[in-house]
Amino acid sequence: MLWIFDTFGKVKKMNQFLCLIFVVVATTALGIGTAREVPNSRVNVLLLGASGNLAEKYLWQGFYNIHTTGLRTGDEIHVYPAATKNFEKANPILQRILVNNITTTDEEHKKQFLANNVSPYTQLRSDEQYKALGEKIKKDTIASGKRDAGLLVYMSVPPKFFGSISQYINDYLRPSSPDAWLRVIVEKPFGVNLMSAKDLAETLYKNLDVKEILLVDHYMGKQGLDAIRQLRKANPEFDKAFLNKNEVSKVEVAMLETEDCKGRTGFYDEVGVIRDTMQNHLMMMVALLGMDLEHADKTEADARRAVFDKLQTAAINDILHLAQYEDYNNHVNEDRAKWDE
């Protein structure tokens, strides 16, 4: 028997993406299961990498969906977009994303969201800029007349920046109210190898408390991956009868990508496709398929880890075939020309 799972190609619209992540953030900050009533509060969101690929494809749509459906606490969200590019370069990109990549059936509602819940773009490269943004967030919150519920920082940036940004957050962005929480979403890949991952973890824990850090693989928000979990839960007898070594001869995990690396070859040259997708996205797909569902409801992380512990180590030359698409070098040269400018 051959089982093949893929992610259904490139997903344009994901109504559930980030809503799941943000609900986790809100429940963690306010107490899981407490649903505290705070009708006059606001959650400030700092989106780092606001004009990047991940934000363009998923994050802005996710934040708009959260604004539309609302948080269970009753808090409103206010987004501060930022990146390292200067305003002249980044703002046109950001405006294009906001116009083209947030889909809705109510354009007037979208206009109100962009006008009232999204601040102008901010460049963040230095202590002075982070300090100024921290002061602006505090002033804006006071001027809104709403209580500061907390700050969510989404680091949609390369891993080499996690450490320095965590220092900036600790120094300049912590909410001043003792009741306000801080949560920092750290995207994959987490470092480039085991040693760098340990060093990065040590740096983060110097600046942030463990409860303030959320390690996230955004791929887990895809509806295709959640469908694997739901399919298995809805068919437990089938799951037990057929998902075993006697019935399954081969499992293939496929990521059918239609998008190239144009505009982000700098990231890919540094991180590479193995770190960017294989050791996180695709391994999570394997875990969802192979984990023990009887213990997954309460401890899914442990159930996924148990799958990895049982995998056999294979010789890399026997299993790995690498290639580049034909225009990759051309895209590298185009991107380098932009960097030189």
C-alpha atoms as a PDB file:
ATOM      1  CA  MET A   1       0.000   0.000   0.000  1.00  0.00           C
ATOM      2  CA  LEU A   2       1.317   3.481  -0.871  1.00  0.00           C
ATOM      3  CA  TRP A   3       0.238   6.561   1.061  1.00  0.00           C
ATOM      4  CA  ILE A   4       1.017   9.955  -0.432  1.00  0.00           C
ATOM      5  CA  PHE A   5       0.251  13.268   1.241  1.00  0.00           C
ATOM      6  CA  ASP A   6       0.948  16.675  -0.240  1.00  0.00           C
ATOM      7  CA  THR A   7      -0.048  20.223   0.588  1.00  0.00           C
ATOM      8  CA  PHE A   8      -2.258  20.715  -2.470  1.00  0.00           C
ATOM      9  CA  GLY A   9       0.193  23.035  -4.204  1.00  0.00           C
ATOM     10  CA  LYS A  10       0.341  26.727  -3.445  1.00  0.00           C
ATOM     11  CA  VAL A  11      -2.450  27.839  -1.118  1.00  0.00           C
ATOM     12  CA  LYS A  12      -3.577  31.376  -1.884  1.00  0.00           C
ATOM     13  CA  LYS A  13      -6.057  31.882   0.922  1.00  0.00           C
ATOM     14  CA  MET A  14      -5.978  30.309   4.363  1.00  0.00           C
ATOM     15  CA  ASN A  15      -8.776  31.597   6.561  1.00  0.00           C
ATOM     16  CA  GLN A  16      -7.600  29.631   9.592  1.00  0.00           C
ATOM     17  CA  PHE A  17      -3.894  30.463   9.360  1.00  0.00           C
ATOM     18  CA  LEU A  18      -2.529  32.435  12.293  1.00  0.00           C
ATOM     19  CA  CYS A  19      -5.959  32.553  13.942  1.00  0.00           C
ATOM     20  CA  LEU A  20      -4.897  29.261  15.514  1.00  0.00           C
ATOM     21  CA  ILE A  21      -1.500  30.688  16.466  1.00  0.00           C
ATOM     22  CA  PHE A  22      -2.964  33.891  17.851  1.00  0.00           C
ATOM     23  CA  VAL A  23      -5.570  32.102  19.943  1.00  0.00           C
ATOM     24  CA  VAL A  24      -2.680  30.207  21.537  1.00  0.00           C
ATOM     25  CA  VAL A  25      -0.953  33.516  22.233  1.00  0.00           C
ATOM     26  CA  ALA A  26      -4.078  35.057  23.742  1.00  0.00           C
ATOM     27  CA  THR A  27      -4.914  32.084  25.938  1.00  0.00           C
ATOM     28  CA  THR A  28      -1.327  31.802  27.108  1.00  0.00           C
ATOM     29  CA  ALA A  29      -1.178  35.472  28.013  1.00  0.00           C
ATOM     30  CA  LEU A  30      -4.556  35.716  29.718  1.00  0.00           C
ATOM     31  CA  GLY A  31      -4.762  32.263  31.249  1.00  0.00           C
ATOM     32  CA  ILE A  32      -5.888  29.139  29.429  1.00  0.00           C
ATOM     33  CA  GLY A  33      -9.596  28.579  29.863  1.00  0.00           C
ATOM     34  CA  THR A  34     -10.201  31.744  31.892  1.00  0.00           C
ATOM     35  CA  ALA A  35     -11.718  33.903  29.082  1.00  0.00           C
ATOM     36  CA  ARG A  36     -11.263  37.091  31.096  1.00  0.00           C
ATOM     37  CA  GLU A  37     -13.579  39.914  30.041  1.00  0.00           C
ATOM     38  CA  VAL A  38     -11.556  42.936  28.913  1.00  0.00           C
ATOM     39  CA  PRO A  39     -13.782  44.804  26.457  1.00  0.00           C
ATOM     40  CA  ASN A  40     -11.734  47.990  26.434  1.00  0.00           C
ATOM     41  CA  SER A  41      -8.221  46.643  25.849  1.00  0.00           C
ATOM     42  CA  ARG A  42      -5.921  46.384  22.900  1.00  0.00           C
ATOM     43  CA  VAL A  43      -3.237  43.915  21.827  1.00  0.00           C
ATOM     44  CA  ASN A  44      -0.333  45.590  20.052  1.00  0.00           C
ATOM     45  CA  VAL A  45       1.320  43.498  17.345  1.00  0.00           C
ATOM     46  CA  LEU A  46       4.797  44.193  15.983  1.00  0.00           C
ATOM     47  CA  LEU A  47       5.225  42.403  12.677  1.00  0.00           C
ATOM     48  CA  LEU A  48       8.940  42.215  11.847  1.00  0.00           C
ATOM     49  CA  GLY A  49       9.485  41.367   8.204  1.00  0.00           C
ATOM     50  CA  ALA A  50       6.174  42.990   7.322  1.00  0.00           C
ATOM     51  CA  SER A  51       7.056  43.326   3.638  1.00  0.00           C
ATOM     52  CA  GLY A  52       8.567  39.847   3.317  1.00  0.00           C
ATOM     53  CA  ASN A  53       7.400  36.664   1.628  1.00  0.00           C
ATOM     54  CA  LEU A  54       5.739  35.034   4.638  1.00  0.00           C
ATOM     55  CA  ALA A  55       3.888  38.207   5.572  1.00  0.00           C
ATOM     56  CA  GLU A  56       2.761  38.675   1.984  1.00  0.00           C
ATOM     57  CA  LYS A  57       1.456  35.139   1.576  1.00  0.00           C
ATOM     58  CA  TYR A  58      -0.107  34.492   4.967  1.00  0.00           C
ATOM     59  CA  LEU A  59       0.433  36.845   7.901  1.00  0.00           C
ATOM     60  CA  TRP A  60      -1.465  39.946   6.759  1.00  0.00           C
ATOM     61  CA  GLN A  61      -4.451  37.855   5.763  1.00  0.00           C
ATOM     62  CA  GLY A  62      -4.279  36.113   9.132  1.00  0.00           C
ATOM     63  CA  PHE A  63      -4.248  39.344  11.121  1.00  0.00           C
ATOM     64  CA  TYR A  64      -7.153  40.706   9.113  1.00  0.00           C
ATOM     65  CA  ASN A  65      -9.103  37.504   9.796  1.00  0.00           C
ATOM     66  CA  ILE A  66      -8.431  37.881  13.512  1.00  0.00           C
ATOM     67  CA  HIS A  67      -9.665  41.471  13.377  1.00  0.00           C
ATOM     68  CA  THR A  68     -12.801  40.321  11.554  1.00  0.00           C
ATOM     69  CA  THR A  69     -13.695  37.407  13.820  1.00  0.00           C
ATOM     70  CA  GLY A  70     -12.408  39.032  17.014  1.00  0.00           C
ATOM     71  CA  LEU A  71     -10.437  37.668  19.940  1.00  0.00           C
ATOM     72  CA  ARG A  72     -12.355  35.759  22.606  1.00  0.00           C
ATOM     73  CA  THR A  73     -11.105  38.273  25.187  1.00  0.00           C
ATOM     74  CA  GLY A  74     -12.804  41.123  23.330  1.00  0.00           C
ATOM     75  CA  ASP A  75      -9.475  42.898  22.797  1.00  0.00           C
ATOM     76  CA  GLU A  76      -8.809  44.742  19.559  1.00  0.00           C
ATOM     77  CA  ILE A  77      -5.527  44.293  17.709  1.00  0.00           C
ATOM     78  CA  HIS A  78      -3.301  47.037  16.341  1.00  0.00           C
ATOM     79  CA  VAL A  79      -0.468  46.097  13.972  1.00  0.00           C
ATOM     80  CA  TYR A  80       2.864  47.902  13.646  1.00  0.00           C
ATOM     81  CA  PRO A  81       4.589  46.802  10.415  1.00  0.00           C
ATOM     82  CA  ALA A  82       8.375  46.987  10.412  1.00  0.00           C
ATOM     83  CA  ALA A  83      11.519  45.710   8.707  1.00  0.00           C
ATOM     84  CA  THR A  84      15.128  46.752   8.132  1.00  0.00           C
ATOM     85  CA  LYS A  85      14.545  48.484   4.774  1.00  0.00           C
ATOM     86  CA  ASN A  86      14.112  52.246   4.748  1.00  0.00           C
ATOM     87  CA  PHE A  87      10.653  53.724   4.274  1.00  0.00           C
ATOM     88  CA  GLU A  88      11.179  54.667   0.622  1.00  0.00           C
ATOM     89  CA  LYS A  89      11.992  51.078  -0.368  1.00  0.00           C
ATOM     90  CA  ALA A  90       9.692  49.133   1.936  1.00  0.00           C
ATOM     91  CA  ASN A  91       6.483  51.168   1.987  1.00  0.00           C
ATOM     92  CA  PRO A  92       5.576  50.678  -1.711  1.00  0.00           C
ATOM     93  CA  ILE A  93       6.017  46.932  -1.235  1.00  0.00           C
ATOM     94  CA  LEU A  94       3.927  46.980   1.918  1.00  0.00           C
ATOM     95  CA  GLN A  95       1.132  48.989   0.309  1.00  0.00           C
ATOM     96  CA  ARG A  96       0.994  46.568  -2.613  1.00  0.00           C
ATOM     97  CA  ILE A  97       0.690  43.654  -0.168  1.00  0.00           C
ATOM     98  CA  LEU A  98      -2.066  45.330   1.825  1.00  0.00           C
ATOM     99  CA  VAL A  99      -4.049  46.065  -1.327  1.00  0.00           C
ATOM    100  CA  ASN A 100      -3.551  42.765  -3.155  1.00  0.00           C
ATOM    101  CA  ASN A 101      -2.997  40.118  -0.492  1.00  0.00           C
ATOM    102  CA  ILE A 102      -5.804  40.748   1.966  1.00  0.00           C
ATOM    103  CA  THR A 103      -8.934  39.270   0.441  1.00  0.00           C
ATOM    104  CA  THR A 104     -12.391  40.137   1.707  1.00  0.00           C
ATOM    105  CA  THR A 105     -15.991  40.433   0.620  1.00  0.00           C
ATOM    106  CA  ASP A 106     -16.308  43.735   2.483  1.00  0.00           C
ATOM    107  CA  GLU A 107     -13.900  46.320   1.066  1.00  0.00           C
ATOM    108  CA  GLU A 108     -15.163  49.056   3.367  1.00  0.00           C
ATOM    109  CA  HIS A 109     -14.396  46.902   6.400  1.00  0.00           C
ATOM    110  CA  LYS A 110     -10.901  46.293   5.051  1.00  0.00           C
ATOM    111  CA  LYS A 111     -10.357  50.036   4.564  1.00  0.00           C
ATOM    112  CA  GLN A 112     -11.363  50.651   8.171  1.00  0.00           C
ATOM    113  CA  PHE A 113      -8.949  47.961   9.353  1.00  0.00           C
ATOM    114  CA  LEU A 114      -6.042  49.482   7.425  1.00  0.00           C
ATOM    115  CA  ALA A 115      -6.920  53.004   8.544  1.00  0.00           C
ATOM    116  CA  ASN A 116      -7.606  52.300  12.217  1.00  0.00           C
ATOM    117  CA  ASN A 117      -5.696  49.119  13.096  1.00  0.00           C
ATOM    118  CA  VAL A 118      -2.479  49.325  11.072  1.00  0.00           C
ATOM    119  CA  SER A 119       0.193  51.937  11.748  1.00  0.00           C
ATOM    120  CA  PRO A 120       2.536  53.343   9.082  1.00  0.00           C
ATOM    121  CA  TYR A 121       5.651  51.348   8.240  1.00  0.00           C
ATOM    122  CA  THR A 122       8.640  51.691  10.580  1.00  0.00           C
ATOM    123  CA  GLN A 123      12.281  50.967   9.815  1.00  0.00           C
ATOM    124  CA  LEU A 124      14.017  49.058  12.623  1.00  0.00           C
ATOM    125  CA  ARG A 125      17.785  48.742  12.443  1.00  0.00           C
ATOM    126  CA  SER A 126      19.176  50.533  15.493  1.00  0.00           C
ATOM    127  CA  ASP A 127      18.735  51.082  19.219  1.00  0.00           C
ATOM    128  CA  GLU A 128      17.305  54.527  18.563  1.00  0.00           C
ATOM    129  CA  GLN A 129      14.661  53.195  16.172  1.00  0.00           C
ATOM    130  CA  TYR A 130      13.550  50.415  18.530  1.00  0.00           C
ATOM    131  CA  LYS A 131      13.442  52.857  21.438  1.00  0.00           C
ATOM    132  CA  ALA A 132      11.367  55.325  19.418  1.00  0.00           C
ATOM    133  CA  LEU A 133       8.917  52.586  18.412  1.00  0.00           C
ATOM    134  CA  GLY A 134       8.541  51.442  22.023  1.00  0.00           C
ATOM    135  CA  GLU A 135       7.661  54.982  23.064  1.00  0.00           C
ATOM    136  CA  LYS A 136       5.256  55.350  20.143  1.00  0.00           C
ATOM    137  CA  ILE A 137       3.396  52.141  21.033  1.00  0.00           C
ATOM    138  CA  LYS A 138       2.953  53.340  24.610  1.00  0.00           C
ATOM    139  CA  LYS A 139       1.750  56.793  23.498  1.00  0.00           C
ATOM    140  CA  ASP A 140      -0.613  55.335  20.883  1.00  0.00           C
ATOM    141  CA  THR A 141      -2.136  52.961  23.428  1.00  0.00           C
ATOM    142  CA  ILE A 142      -2.728  55.765  25.926  1.00  0.00           C
ATOM    143  CA  ALA A 143      -4.208  57.992  23.206  1.00  0.00           C
ATOM    144  CA  SER A 144      -6.590  55.203  22.160  1.00  0.00           C
ATOM    145  CA  GLY A 145      -8.102  55.218  25.636  1.00  0.00           C
ATOM    146  CA  LYS A 146      -7.710  51.458  25.851  1.00  0.00           C
ATOM    147  CA  ARG A 147      -5.883  49.342  28.375  1.00  0.00           C
ATOM    148  CA  ASP A 148      -2.631  47.722  27.232  1.00  0.00           C
ATOM    149  CA  ALA A 149      -3.425  44.007  27.176  1.00  0.00           C
ATOM    150  CA  GLY A 150      -0.043  42.967  25.799  1.00  0.00           C
ATOM    151  CA  LEU A 151       2.465  42.983  22.969  1.00  0.00           C
ATOM    152  CA  LEU A 152       2.927  40.239  20.390  1.00  0.00           C
ATOM    153  CA  VAL A 153       6.134  40.355  18.346  1.00  0.00           C
ATOM    154  CA  TYR A 154       6.171  38.156  15.248  1.00  0.00           C
ATOM    155  CA  MET A 155       9.745  37.645  14.030  1.00  0.00           C
ATOM    156  CA  SER A 156       9.279  36.773  10.376  1.00  0.00           C
ATOM    157  CA  VAL A 157      12.994  37.307   9.755  1.00  0.00           C
ATOM    158  CA  PRO A 158      16.112  35.153   9.132  1.00  0.00           C
ATOM    159  CA  PRO A 159      17.370  33.298  12.238  1.00  0.00           C
ATOM    160  CA  LYS A 160      20.628  35.254  12.400  1.00  0.00           C
ATOM    161  CA  PHE A 161      18.622  38.282  13.618  1.00  0.00           C
ATOM    162  CA  PHE A 162      16.704  36.526  16.435  1.00  0.00           C
ATOM    163  CA  GLY A 163      19.334  37.170  19.084  1.00  0.00           C
ATOM    164  CA  SER A 164      19.857  40.877  18.491  1.00  0.00           C
ATOM    165  CA  ILE A 165      16.124  41.513  18.111  1.00  0.00           C
ATOM    166  CA  SER A 166      15.406  39.756  21.400  1.00  0.00           C
ATOM    167  CA  GLN A 167      17.829  42.177  23.050  1.00  0.00           C
ATOM    168  CA  TYR A 168      16.019  45.145  21.500  1.00  0.00           C
ATOM    169  CA  ILE A 169      12.676  43.761  22.662  1.00  0.00           C
ATOM    170  CA  ASN A 170      13.927  43.341  26.204  1.00  0.00           C
ATOM    171  CA  ASP A 171      15.484  46.801  26.288  1.00  0.00           C
ATOM    172  CA  TYR A 172      12.826  48.914  24.580  1.00  0.00           C
ATOM    173  CA  LEU A 173       9.554  47.120  23.836  1.00  0.00           C
ATOM    174  CA  ARG A 174       8.364  45.550  27.065  1.00  0.00           C
ATOM    175  CA  PRO A 175       4.892  46.823  28.030  1.00  0.00           C
ATOM    176  CA  SER A 176       5.043  49.254  30.940  1.00  0.00           C
ATOM    177  CA  SER A 177       1.839  48.003  32.550  1.00  0.00           C
ATOM    178  CA  PRO A 178       2.427  45.177  35.069  1.00  0.00           C
ATOM    179  CA  ASP A 179      -0.753  43.468  33.846  1.00  0.00           C
ATOM    180  CA  ALA A 180       0.290  43.464  30.178  1.00  0.00           C
ATOM    181  CA  TRP A 181       1.944  40.383  28.720  1.00  0.00           C
ATOM    182  CA  LEU A 182       4.724  39.934  26.161  1.00  0.00           C
ATOM    183  CA  ARG A 183       4.897  37.095  23.642  1.00  0.00           C
ATOM    184  CA  VAL A 184       7.528  36.683  20.928  1.00  0.00           C
ATOM    185  CA  ILE A 185       6.852  34.332  18.016  1.00  0.00           C
ATOM    186  CA  VAL A 186      10.081  32.822  16.700  1.00  0.00           C
ATOM    187  CA  GLU A 187       9.778  31.302  13.233  1.00  0.00           C
ATOM    188  CA  LYS A 188      11.747  28.405  11.857  1.00  0.00           C
ATOM    189  CA  PRO A 189      14.495  27.680  10.939  1.00  0.00           C
ATOM    190  CA  PHE A 190      15.923  27.915  14.459  1.00  0.00           C
ATOM    191  CA  GLY A 191      19.641  28.267  13.800  1.00  0.00           C
ATOM    192  CA  VAL A 192      21.649  26.496  11.102  1.00  0.00           C
ATOM    193  CA  ASN A 193      22.899  23.487  13.115  1.00  0.00           C
ATOM    194  CA  LEU A 194      22.706  22.041  16.624  1.00  0.00           C
ATOM    195  CA  MET A 195      25.430  24.266  18.044  1.00  0.00           C
ATOM    196  CA  SER A 196      23.976  27.472  16.615  1.00  0.00           C
ATOM    197  CA  ALA A 197      20.498  26.449  17.814  1.00  0.00           C
ATOM    198  CA  LYS A 198      21.816  26.017  21.360  1.00  0.00           C
ATOM    199  CA  ASP A 199      23.610  29.366  21.179  1.00  0.00           C
ATOM    200  CA  LEU A 200      20.467  31.034  19.871  1.00  0.00           C
ATOM    201  CA  ALA A 201      18.347  29.503  22.625  1.00  0.00           C
ATOM    202  CA  GLU A 202      20.820  30.736  25.234  1.00  0.00           C
ATOM    203  CA  THR A 203      20.669  34.261  23.773  1.00  0.00           C
ATOM    204  CA  LEU A 204      16.866  34.285  23.712  1.00  0.00           C
ATOM    205  CA  TYR A 205      16.628  33.083  27.316  1.00  0.00           C
ATOM    206  CA  LYS A 206      18.970  35.852  28.433  1.00  0.00           C
ATOM    207  CA  ASN A 207      16.509  38.443  27.157  1.00  0.00           C
ATOM    208  CA  LEU A 208      13.130  36.697  27.372  1.00  0.00           C
ATOM    209  CA  ASP A 209      11.417  34.430  29.833  1.00  0.00           C
ATOM    210  CA  VAL A 210      10.631  30.955  28.571  1.00  0.00           C
ATOM    211  CA  LYS A 211       6.875  31.638  28.793  1.00  0.00           C
ATOM    212  CA  GLU A 212       7.339  34.687  26.547  1.00  0.00           C
ATOM    213  CA  ILE A 213       8.748  32.653  23.632  1.00  0.00           C
ATOM    214  CA  LEU A 214       6.556  30.790  21.151  1.00  0.00           C
ATOM    215  CA  LEU A 215       8.421  28.582  18.675  1.00  0.00           C
ATOM    216  CA  VAL A 216       6.294  28.359  15.540  1.00  0.00           C
ATOM    217  CA  ASP A 217       6.391  26.506  12.245  1.00  0.00           C
ATOM    218  CA  HIS A 218       3.784  28.376  10.204  1.00  0.00           C
ATOM    219  CA  TYR A 219       3.322  25.315   7.976  1.00  0.00           C
ATOM    220  CA  MET A 220       1.342  23.688  10.782  1.00  0.00           C
ATOM    221  CA  GLY A 221      -1.383  26.247  10.110  1.00  0.00           C
ATOM    222  CA  LYS A 222      -2.063  24.866   6.638  1.00  0.00           C
ATOM    223  CA  GLN A 223      -5.460  23.282   6.168  1.00  0.00           C
ATOM    224  CA  GLY A 224      -3.860  20.379   4.297  1.00  0.00           C
ATOM    225  CA  LEU A 225      -1.807  19.400   7.343  1.00  0.00           C
ATOM    226  CA  ASP A 226      -4.693  19.762   9.742  1.00  0.00           C
ATOM    227  CA  ALA A 227      -6.685  17.492   7.403  1.00  0.00           C
ATOM    228  CA  ILE A 228      -4.208  14.667   8.103  1.00  0.00           C
ATOM    229  CA  ARG A 229      -4.919  14.932  11.818  1.00  0.00           C
ATOM    230  CA  GLN A 230      -8.683  15.226  11.340  1.00  0.00           C
ATOM    231  CA  LEU A 231      -8.819  12.337   8.855  1.00  0.00           C
ATOM    232  CA  ARG A 232      -7.094  10.021  11.309  1.00  0.00           C
ATOM    233  CA  LYS A 233      -9.236  11.119  14.266  1.00  0.00           C
ATOM    234  CA  ALA A 234     -12.452  10.679  12.283  1.00  0.00           C
ATOM    235  CA  ASN A 235     -11.492   7.142  11.198  1.00  0.00           C
ATOM    236  CA  PRO A 236      -9.852   5.459  14.210  1.00  0.00           C
ATOM    237  CA  GLU A 237     -10.610   1.885  13.141  1.00  0.00           C
ATOM    238  CA  PHE A 238      -9.223   2.469   9.674  1.00  0.00           C
ATOM    239  CA  ASP A 239      -6.235   4.168  11.250  1.00  0.00           C
ATOM    240  CA  LYS A 240      -5.420   1.176  13.451  1.00  0.00           C
ATOM    241  CA  ALA A 241      -6.092  -1.407  10.769  1.00  0.00           C
ATOM    242  CA  PHE A 242      -4.016   0.076   7.981  1.00  0.00           C
ATOM    243  CA  LEU A 243      -1.432   2.497   9.400  1.00  0.00           C
ATOM    244  CA  ASN A 244       1.028  -0.169  10.487  1.00  0.00           C
ATOM    245  CA  LYS A 245       4.149  -1.841   9.139  1.00  0.00           C
ATOM    246  CA  ASN A 246       2.211  -4.848   7.832  1.00  0.00           C
ATOM    247  CA  GLU A 247      -0.022  -2.772   5.548  1.00  0.00           C
ATOM    248  CA  VAL A 248       2.106   0.235   4.575  1.00  0.00           C
ATOM    249  CA  SER A 249       5.102  -0.441   2.377  1.00  0.00           C
ATOM    250  CA  LYS A 250       6.082   3.131   1.627  1.00  0.00           C
ATOM    251  CA  VAL A 251       5.264   6.684   2.707  1.00  0.00           C
ATOM    252  CA  GLU A 252       6.028   9.632   0.460  1.00  0.00           C
ATOM    253  CA  VAL A 253       5.810  13.205   1.723  1.00  0.00           C
ATOM    254  CA  ALA A 254       5.653  15.705  -1.123  1.00  0.00           C
ATOM    255  CA  MET A 255       5.797  19.479  -1.166  1.00  0.00           C
ATOM    256  CA  LEU A 256       4.531  20.594  -4.549  1.00  0.00           C
ATOM    257  CA  GLU A 257       5.916  24.110  -4.835  1.00  0.00           C
ATOM    258  CA  THR A 258       5.070  26.376  -7.765  1.00  0.00           C
ATOM    259  CA  GLU A 259       6.844  29.483  -6.456  1.00  0.00           C
ATOM    260  CA  ASP A 260      10.472  30.287  -7.251  1.00  0.00           C
ATOM    261  CA  CYS A 261      13.026  32.132  -5.094  1.00  0.00           C
ATOM    262  CA  LYS A 262      13.070  35.407  -7.003  1.00  0.00           C
ATOM    263  CA  GLY A 263      13.423  38.284  -4.574  1.00  0.00           C
ATOM    264  CA  ARG A 264      14.597  36.104  -1.697  1.00  0.00           C
ATOM    265  CA  THR A 265      17.699  34.319  -2.976  1.00  0.00           C
ATOM    266  CA  GLY A 266      19.762  35.991  -0.255  1.00  0.00           C
ATOM    267  CA  PHE A 267      17.780  34.066   2.341  1.00  0.00           C
ATOM    268  CA  TYR A 268      17.956  30.841   0.358  1.00  0.00           C
ATOM    269  CA  ASP A 269      21.694  31.043  -0.253  1.00  0.00           C
ATOM    270  CA  GLU A 270      22.231  31.405   3.489  1.00  0.00           C
ATOM    271  CA  VAL A 271      19.613  28.986   4.827  1.00  0.00           C
ATOM    272  CA  GLY A 272      19.031  26.515   2.003  1.00  0.00           C
ATOM    273  CA  VAL A 273      16.022  24.414   1.136  1.00  0.00           C
ATOM    274  CA  ILE A 274      16.848  21.617   3.593  1.00  0.00           C
ATOM    275  CA  ARG A 275      16.748  23.945   6.601  1.00  0.00           C
ATOM    276  CA  ASP A 276      13.886  25.979   5.182  1.00  0.00           C
ATOM    277  CA  THR A 277      11.458  23.161   4.439  1.00  0.00           C
ATOM    278  CA  MET A 278      12.712  19.622   4.921  1.00  0.00           C
ATOM    279  CA  GLN A 279      13.788  19.475   8.573  1.00  0.00           C
ATOM    280  CA  ASN A 280      10.653  21.320   9.719  1.00  0.00           C
ATOM    281  CA  HIS A 281       7.711  21.455   7.283  1.00  0.00           C
ATOM    282  CA  LEU A 282       8.096  17.980   5.817  1.00  0.00           C
ATOM    283  CA  MET A 283       9.183  16.316   9.048  1.00  0.00           C
ATOM    284  CA  MET A 284       6.062  17.662  10.716  1.00  0.00           C
ATOM    285  CA  MET A 285       3.990  16.018   7.998  1.00  0.00           C
ATOM    286  CA  VAL A 286       5.718  12.711   8.753  1.00  0.00           C
ATOM    287  CA  ALA A 287       5.001  13.171  12.457  1.00  0.00           C
ATOM    288  CA  LEU A 288       1.311  13.903  11.911  1.00  0.00           C
ATOM    289  CA  LEU A 289       0.975  10.729   9.891  1.00  0.00           C
ATOM    290  CA  GLY A 290       2.971   8.489  12.215  1.00  0.00           C
ATOM    291  CA  MET A 291       2.135   9.722  15.726  1.00  0.00           C
ATOM    292  CA  ASP A 292       0.088   7.717  18.219  1.00  0.00           C
ATOM    293  CA  LEU A 293      -3.333   9.371  18.272  1.00  0.00           C
ATOM    294  CA  GLU A 294      -4.288   7.854  21.627  1.00  0.00           C
ATOM    295  CA  HIS A 295      -1.729  10.077  23.355  1.00  0.00           C
ATOM    296  CA  ALA A 296      -1.730  13.001  20.933  1.00  0.00           C
ATOM    297  CA  ASP A 297      -4.682  15.010  22.251  1.00  0.00           C
ATOM    298  CA  LYS A 298      -2.920  16.164  25.421  1.00  0.00           C
ATOM    299  CA  THR A 299       0.716  15.692  24.461  1.00  0.00           C
ATOM    300  CA  GLU A 300       0.947  15.985  20.693  1.00  0.00           C
ATOM    301  CA  ALA A 301       4.470  17.397  20.874  1.00  0.00           C
ATOM    302  CA  ASP A 302       5.607  14.269  22.717  1.00  0.00           C
ATOM    303  CA  ALA A 303       3.709  12.066  20.269  1.00  0.00           C
ATOM    304  CA  ARG A 304       5.467  13.733  17.330  1.00  0.00           C
ATOM    305  CA  ARG A 305       8.839  13.432  19.056  1.00  0.00           C
ATOM    306  CA  ALA A 306       8.264   9.701  19.527  1.00  0.00           C
ATOM    307  CA  VAL A 307       7.957   9.346  15.743  1.00  0.00           C
ATOM    308  CA  PHE A 308      11.318  11.020  15.207  1.00  0.00           C
ATOM    309  CA  ASP A 309      12.948   8.791  17.836  1.00  0.00           C
ATOM    310  CA  LYS A 310      11.876   5.705  15.872  1.00  0.00           C
ATOM    311  CA  LEU A 311      13.150   6.852  12.483  1.00  0.00           C
ATOM    312  CA  GLN A 312      16.208   5.045  11.225  1.00  0.00           C
ATOM    313  CA  THR A 313      19.249   7.019  10.159  1.00  0.00           C
ATOM    314  CA  ALA A 314      19.984   6.658   6.466  1.00  0.00           C
ATOM    315  CA  ALA A 315      23.131   7.447   4.511  1.00  0.00           C
ATOM    316  CA  ILE A 316      22.666  10.825   2.866  1.00  0.00           C
ATOM    317  CA  ASN A 317      24.119   9.682  -0.456  1.00  0.00           C
ATOM    318  CA  ASP A 318      21.505   6.934  -0.678  1.00  0.00           C
ATOM    319  CA  ILE A 319      18.453   9.109  -0.164  1.00  0.00           C
ATOM    320  CA  LEU A 320      19.207  12.662  -1.208  1.00  0.00           C
ATOM    321  CA  HIS A 321      19.113  14.142  -4.684  1.00  0.00           C
ATOM    322  CA  LEU A 322      19.598  17.900  -4.948  1.00  0.00           C
ATOM    323  CA  ALA A 323      19.074  20.207  -7.904  1.00  0.00           C
ATOM    324  CA  GLN A 324      18.326  23.829  -8.736  1.00  0.00           C
ATOM    325  CA  TYR A 325      15.628  25.092 -11.027  1.00  0.00           C
ATOM    326  CA  GLU A 326      16.936  26.492 -14.288  1.00  0.00           C
ATOM    327  CA  ASP A 327      16.561  30.232 -13.581  1.00  0.00           C
ATOM    328  CA  TYR A 328      17.909  30.227 -10.014  1.00  0.00           C
ATOM    329  CA  ASN A 329      21.275  31.800 -10.873  1.00  0.00           C
ATOM    330  CA  ASN A 330      19.540  34.442 -12.963  1.00  0.00           C
ATOM    331  CA  HIS A 331      17.353  35.303  -9.980  1.00  0.00           C
ATOM    332  CA  VAL A 332      20.450  35.489  -7.764  1.00  0.00           C
ATOM    333  CA  ASN A 333      22.050  37.984 -10.143  1.00  0.00           C
ATOM    334  CA  GLU A 334      18.865  40.058 -10.337  1.00  0.00           C
ATOM    335  CA  ASP A 335      18.632  40.184  -6.555  1.00  0.00           C
ATOM    336  CA  ARG A 336      22.310  41.109  -6.216  1.00  0.00           C
ATOM    337  CA  ALA A 337      21.808  44.003  -8.574  1.00  0.00           C
ATOM    338  CA  LYS A 338      19.043  45.297  -6.304  1.00  0.00           C
ATOM    339  CA  TRP A 339      21.252  44.870  -3.228  1.00  0.00           C
ATOM    340  CA  ASP A 340      24.007  46.884  -4.949  1.00  0.00           C
ATOM    341  CA  GLU A 341      21.538  49.672  -5.617  1.00  0.00           C
END
